Each structure stands twice: as C-alpha cells, then as structure tokens.
C-alpha cells in the first residue's frame, strides 16, 4: 500500500513538471484581450473598446492590459518600471502596433474610456486626417506622457 502511494505521488510530480513548459507565453506578441471581461490594470475598468486598448509586458514576464492609452502612460510613470514591450491598437482597425512605431493623436474633444483623448495609428496619413477631423494634433510619446499628467490634474479638481 505504501509503495502504491509513493508511486502515485511520483506520477503527480512528473505530470506537473511535464505540463509546466506547455503554457509558455510568447512575450513578443500582445496578449489576447477578452473584451467585456478583462480589466484595465491601471483604472480597474472593464476593457470594452478595441480602438483605445493597449498592452504591455513587464521585465518579469507579466502581461498588462489597459482600456486607454493614457492608462498605459500613467502606469508606466507611476510604477517607475521598465516595460519590455508595449503595444497600442491602430484606431483605423489595423490591429496591434508596437508603441515605438505608433503615431499618436491627441484631441481634448475625443471621448476615450478614461478621457485622456489619445488614439494611435500605424499610417501617417490616417493619423493626420483623424487629427484634422477631430481638431487634434499629432504627439510623440514623451509629450503624451506630459499630457497625461495634465489630464490627471484636471480630473482631480
């Protein structure tokens, strides 16, 4: 009986260790977003709108999901952590874009989930047309970081 118990325990350990490598995630690609179920790691709101969503992966391999590009920027600043990669969605429906390759448009009139007013584009022409249509302007990531500070201050007043 004791021998059977030891064999059973060994089998469980072997099964656990053999399955440990099966669930590895590809850290070079953004995570899957379950719209209507996943929460933004910064504001804790449910992620609903695809065109405003962003994601990141930390240096320790954790995926982070955000409902607003501004939430990604605020999280990055507040946590003072290095994100290995981050991605934003192309507002014109083109899928994920690496953040460093995205063109950002800011418009105070643009209604985004948390009110930051940012969208991202892969195409320069699409970004310029959208900015003109929404009386917005193209901004670089560093300027976007500064604008999130201003937007946070307005909400706290």
C-alpha atoms as a PDB file:
ATOM      1  CA  UNK A   1       0.000   0.000   0.000  1.00  0.00           C
ATOM      2  CA  UNK A   2       2.806   2.397   0.913  1.00  0.00           C
ATOM      3  CA  UNK A   3       4.616   1.610  -2.319  1.00  0.00           C
ATOM      4  CA  UNK A   4       1.461   2.401  -4.297  1.00  0.00           C
ATOM      5  CA  UNK A   5       1.138   5.745  -2.507  1.00  0.00           C
ATOM      6  CA  UNK A   6       4.750   6.695  -3.305  1.00  0.00           C
ATOM      7  CA  UNK A   7       4.241   5.759  -6.971  1.00  0.00           C
ATOM      8  CA  UNK A   8       1.104   7.890  -7.082  1.00  0.00           C
ATOM      9  CA  UNK A   9       2.927  10.902  -5.642  1.00  0.00           C
ATOM     10  CA  UNK A  10       5.770  10.475  -8.122  1.00  0.00           C
ATOM     11  CA  UNK A  11       3.299  10.321 -11.008  1.00  0.00           C
ATOM     12  CA  UNK A  12       1.666  13.554  -9.865  1.00  0.00           C
ATOM     13  CA  UNK A  13       5.055  15.318  -9.686  1.00  0.00           C
ATOM     14  CA  UNK A  14       6.012  14.052 -13.145  1.00  0.00           C
ATOM     15  CA  UNK A  15       2.724  15.252 -14.587  1.00  0.00           C
ATOM     16  CA  UNK A  16       3.115  18.698 -13.025  1.00  0.00           C
ATOM     17  CA  UNK A  17       6.676  19.133 -14.251  1.00  0.00           C
ATOM     18  CA  UNK A  18       5.901  17.882 -17.752  1.00  0.00           C
ATOM     19  CA  UNK A  19       2.981  20.300 -18.102  1.00  0.00           C
ATOM     20  CA  UNK A  20       4.918  23.269 -16.699  1.00  0.00           C
ATOM     21  CA  UNK A  21       6.535  24.057 -20.057  1.00  0.00           C
ATOM     22  CA  UNK A  22       3.333  23.668 -22.103  1.00  0.00           C
ATOM     23  CA  UNK A  23       1.807  27.004 -21.160  1.00  0.00           C
ATOM     24  CA  UNK A  24       4.701  29.281 -22.082  1.00  0.00           C
ATOM     25  CA  UNK A  25       3.600  32.648 -23.415  1.00  0.00           C
ATOM     26  CA  UNK A  26       5.142  34.466 -26.333  1.00  0.00           C
ATOM     27  CA  UNK A  27       6.386  37.724 -24.812  1.00  0.00           C
ATOM     28  CA  UNK A  28       6.980  39.222 -28.266  1.00  0.00           C
ATOM     29  CA  UNK A  29       3.248  39.400 -29.010  1.00  0.00           C
ATOM     30  CA  UNK A  30       0.489  41.278 -27.167  1.00  0.00           C
ATOM     31  CA  UNK A  31      -1.873  39.255 -25.000  1.00  0.00           C
ATOM     32  CA  UNK A  32      -5.368  38.284 -26.047  1.00  0.00           C
ATOM     33  CA  UNK A  33      -7.968  40.716 -24.718  1.00  0.00           C
ATOM     34  CA  UNK A  34     -11.308  39.374 -23.532  1.00  0.00           C
ATOM     35  CA  UNK A  35     -13.465  42.433 -24.243  1.00  0.00           C
ATOM     36  CA  UNK A  36     -16.174  42.906 -21.663  1.00  0.00           C
ATOM     37  CA  UNK A  37     -14.350  40.664 -19.164  1.00  0.00           C
ATOM     38  CA  UNK A  38     -10.723  41.836 -18.806  1.00  0.00           C
ATOM     39  CA  UNK A  39      -9.926  44.761 -16.520  1.00  0.00           C
ATOM     40  CA  UNK A  40      -7.522  47.650 -17.023  1.00  0.00           C
ATOM     41  CA  UNK A  41      -4.607  47.207 -14.650  1.00  0.00           C
ATOM     42  CA  UNK A  42      -4.435  50.988 -14.032  1.00  0.00           C
ATOM     43  CA  UNK A  43      -8.038  52.167 -13.578  1.00  0.00           C
ATOM     44  CA  UNK A  44      -9.739  48.782 -12.961  1.00  0.00           C
ATOM     45  CA  UNK A  45     -12.452  49.489 -15.564  1.00  0.00           C
ATOM     46  CA  UNK A  46     -13.667  46.690 -17.820  1.00  0.00           C
ATOM     47  CA  UNK A  47     -11.974  46.824 -21.231  1.00  0.00           C
ATOM     48  CA  UNK A  48     -14.699  47.411 -23.817  1.00  0.00           C
ATOM     49  CA  UNK A  49     -13.433  49.400 -26.819  1.00  0.00           C
ATOM     50  CA  UNK A  50     -10.846  47.828 -29.084  1.00  0.00           C
ATOM     51  CA  UNK A  51      -9.590  51.024 -30.727  1.00  0.00           C
ATOM     52  CA  UNK A  52      -8.356  52.516 -27.430  1.00  0.00           C
ATOM     53  CA  UNK A  53      -6.835  49.415 -25.822  1.00  0.00           C
ATOM     54  CA  UNK A  54      -3.134  48.955 -25.102  1.00  0.00           C
ATOM     55  CA  UNK A  55      -0.990  46.259 -23.526  1.00  0.00           C
ATOM     56  CA  UNK A  56       2.494  45.712 -22.164  1.00  0.00           C
ATOM     57  CA  UNK A  57       4.767  43.023 -20.823  1.00  0.00           C
ATOM     58  CA  UNK A  58       6.993  43.624 -17.794  1.00  0.00           C
ATOM     59  CA  UNK A  59      10.587  42.534 -17.441  1.00  0.00           C
ATOM     60  CA  UNK A  60       9.442  39.648 -15.232  1.00  0.00           C
ATOM     61  CA  UNK A  61       7.058  38.342 -17.933  1.00  0.00           C
ATOM     62  CA  UNK A  62       3.677  39.638 -16.728  1.00  0.00           C
ATOM     63  CA  UNK A  63       1.199  40.866 -19.322  1.00  0.00           C
ATOM     64  CA  UNK A  64      -0.676  44.084 -18.514  1.00  0.00           C
ATOM     65  CA  UNK A  65      -3.870  45.233 -20.234  1.00  0.00           C
ATOM     66  CA  UNK A  66      -5.195  48.796 -20.413  1.00  0.00           C
ATOM     67  CA  UNK A  67      -8.509  50.262 -21.582  1.00  0.00           C
ATOM     68  CA  UNK A  68      -6.998  53.631 -22.566  1.00  0.00           C
ATOM     69  CA  UNK A  69      -3.596  54.620 -23.977  1.00  0.00           C
ATOM     70  CA  UNK A  70      -3.416  57.215 -21.210  1.00  0.00           C
ATOM     71  CA  UNK A  71      -3.715  54.432 -18.612  1.00  0.00           C
ATOM     72  CA  UNK A  72      -0.640  52.739 -20.123  1.00  0.00           C
ATOM     73  CA  UNK A  73       1.299  56.015 -19.918  1.00  0.00           C
ATOM     74  CA  UNK A  74       0.229  56.736 -16.328  1.00  0.00           C
ATOM     75  CA  UNK A  75       1.008  53.179 -15.215  1.00  0.00           C
ATOM     76  CA  UNK A  76       4.453  53.330 -16.770  1.00  0.00           C
ATOM     77  CA  UNK A  77       5.222  56.611 -14.992  1.00  0.00           C
ATOM     78  CA  UNK A  78       3.625  55.760 -11.631  1.00  0.00           C
ATOM     79  CA  UNK A  79       5.142  52.301 -11.310  1.00  0.00           C
ATOM     80  CA  UNK A  80       8.535  53.543 -12.469  1.00  0.00           C
ATOM     81  CA  UNK A  81       9.112  50.154 -14.032  1.00  0.00           C
ATOM     82  CA  UNK A  82      10.666  49.120 -17.269  1.00  0.00           C
ATOM     83  CA  UNK A  83       8.252  47.534 -19.662  1.00  0.00           C
ATOM     84  CA  UNK A  84       9.951  45.189 -22.116  1.00  0.00           C
ATOM     85  CA  UNK A  85       7.382  45.911 -24.801  1.00  0.00           C
ATOM     86  CA  UNK A  86       4.138  47.736 -25.145  1.00  0.00           C
ATOM     87  CA  UNK A  87       1.529  47.830 -27.855  1.00  0.00           C
ATOM     88  CA  UNK A  88      -1.407  50.005 -28.843  1.00  0.00           C
ATOM     89  CA  UNK A  89      -4.300  49.342 -31.213  1.00  0.00           C
ATOM     90  CA  UNK A  90      -4.484  51.054 -34.567  1.00  0.00           C
ATOM     91  CA  UNK A  91      -7.604  53.241 -34.334  1.00  0.00           C
ATOM     92  CA  UNK A  92      -8.291  52.645 -38.021  1.00  0.00           C
ATOM     93  CA  UNK A  93      -8.674  48.905 -37.413  1.00  0.00           C
ATOM     94  CA  UNK A  94      -5.223  47.725 -38.460  1.00  0.00           C
ATOM     95  CA  UNK A  95      -4.517  45.636 -35.359  1.00  0.00           C
ATOM     96  CA  UNK A  96      -1.696  45.916 -32.842  1.00  0.00           C
ATOM     97  CA  UNK A  97       1.220  48.327 -33.275  1.00  0.00           C
ATOM     98  CA  UNK A  98       4.454  48.330 -31.290  1.00  0.00           C
ATOM     99  CA  UNK A  99       4.239  51.523 -29.230  1.00  0.00           C
ATOM    100  CA  UNK A 100       7.526  52.873 -30.587  1.00  0.00           C
ATOM    101  CA  UNK A 101       6.184  52.599 -34.166  1.00  0.00           C
ATOM    102  CA  UNK A 102       2.795  54.193 -33.457  1.00  0.00           C
ATOM    103  CA  UNK A 103       1.737  57.716 -34.348  1.00  0.00           C
ATOM    104  CA  UNK A 104      -0.375  59.269 -31.597  1.00  0.00           C
ATOM    105  CA  UNK A 105      -3.123  61.830 -31.986  1.00  0.00           C
ATOM    106  CA  UNK A 106      -4.352  63.904 -29.066  1.00  0.00           C
ATOM    107  CA  UNK A 107      -7.679  65.719 -29.099  1.00  0.00           C
ATOM    108  CA  UNK A 108      -9.331  67.140 -25.992  1.00  0.00           C
ATOM    109  CA  UNK A 109     -12.651  66.586 -27.793  1.00  0.00           C
ATOM    110  CA  UNK A 110     -12.042  62.855 -28.293  1.00  0.00           C
ATOM    111  CA  UNK A 111     -14.013  60.669 -25.891  1.00  0.00           C
ATOM    112  CA  UNK A 112     -11.848  57.757 -24.749  1.00  0.00           C
ATOM    113  CA  UNK A 113     -12.610  55.335 -21.893  1.00  0.00           C
ATOM    114  CA  UNK A 114     -10.742  57.363 -19.252  1.00  0.00           C
ATOM    115  CA  UNK A 115     -10.892  60.721 -21.008  1.00  0.00           C
ATOM    116  CA  UNK A 116      -7.222  61.056 -21.949  1.00  0.00           C
ATOM    117  CA  UNK A 117      -8.063  61.777 -25.603  1.00  0.00           C
ATOM    118  CA  UNK A 118      -5.380  59.664 -27.314  1.00  0.00           C
ATOM    119  CA  UNK A 119      -5.566  57.298 -30.262  1.00  0.00           C
ATOM    120  CA  UNK A 120      -2.807  55.560 -32.190  1.00  0.00           C
ATOM    121  CA  UNK A 121      -2.277  54.940 -35.875  1.00  0.00           C
ATOM    122  CA  UNK A 122       0.175  52.987 -37.971  1.00  0.00           C
ATOM    123  CA  UNK A 123      -0.353  55.250 -41.005  1.00  0.00           C
ATOM    124  CA  UNK A 124       0.874  58.828 -41.037  1.00  0.00           C
ATOM    125  CA  UNK A 125      -1.874  59.827 -43.477  1.00  0.00           C
ATOM    126  CA  UNK A 126      -4.631  58.268 -41.329  1.00  0.00           C
ATOM    127  CA  UNK A 127      -3.237  60.000 -38.218  1.00  0.00           C
ATOM    128  CA  UNK A 128      -3.134  63.396 -39.944  1.00  0.00           C
ATOM    129  CA  UNK A 129      -6.657  63.037 -41.345  1.00  0.00           C
ATOM    130  CA  UNK A 130      -8.024  61.994 -37.951  1.00  0.00           C
ATOM    131  CA  UNK A 131      -6.241  64.883 -36.224  1.00  0.00           C
ATOM    132  CA  UNK A 132      -7.730  67.337 -38.711  1.00  0.00           C
ATOM    133  CA  UNK A 133     -11.220  65.854 -38.362  1.00  0.00           C
ATOM    134  CA  UNK A 134     -11.140  65.920 -34.537  1.00  0.00           C
ATOM    135  CA  UNK A 135      -9.275  69.237 -34.213  1.00  0.00           C
ATOM    136  CA  UNK A 136      -6.429  67.321 -32.650  1.00  0.00           C
ATOM    137  CA  UNK A 137      -2.720  67.105 -33.216  1.00  0.00           C
ATOM    138  CA  UNK A 138      -0.008  64.510 -33.580  1.00  0.00           C
ATOM    139  CA  UNK A 139       2.049  63.986 -30.413  1.00  0.00           C
ATOM    140  CA  UNK A 140       5.166  61.994 -29.594  1.00  0.00           C
ATOM    141  CA  UNK A 141       5.181  59.529 -26.678  1.00  0.00           C
ATOM    142  CA  UNK A 142       7.119  61.922 -24.411  1.00  0.00           C
ATOM    143  CA  UNK A 143       4.575  64.676 -24.996  1.00  0.00           C
ATOM    144  CA  UNK A 144       1.784  62.166 -24.428  1.00  0.00           C
ATOM    145  CA  UNK A 145       3.324  61.373 -21.009  1.00  0.00           C
ATOM    146  CA  UNK A 146       3.212  65.069 -20.102  1.00  0.00           C
ATOM    147  CA  UNK A 147      -0.371  65.433 -21.312  1.00  0.00           C
ATOM    148  CA  UNK A 148      -1.485  62.531 -19.095  1.00  0.00           C
ATOM    149  CA  UNK A 149      -0.182  64.497 -16.101  1.00  0.00           C
ATOM    150  CA  UNK A 150      -2.279  67.499 -17.113  1.00  0.00           C
ATOM    151  CA  UNK A 151      -5.382  65.353 -17.678  1.00  0.00           C
ATOM    152  CA  UNK A 152      -4.981  63.707 -14.253  1.00  0.00           C
ATOM    153  CA  UNK A 153      -4.769  67.101 -12.575  1.00  0.00           C
ATOM    154  CA  UNK A 154      -7.971  68.260 -14.305  1.00  0.00           C
ATOM    155  CA  UNK A 155      -9.850  65.163 -13.101  1.00  0.00           C
ATOM    156  CA  UNK A 156      -8.684  65.638  -9.503  1.00  0.00           C
ATOM    157  CA  UNK A 157     -10.006  69.231  -9.345  1.00  0.00           C
END
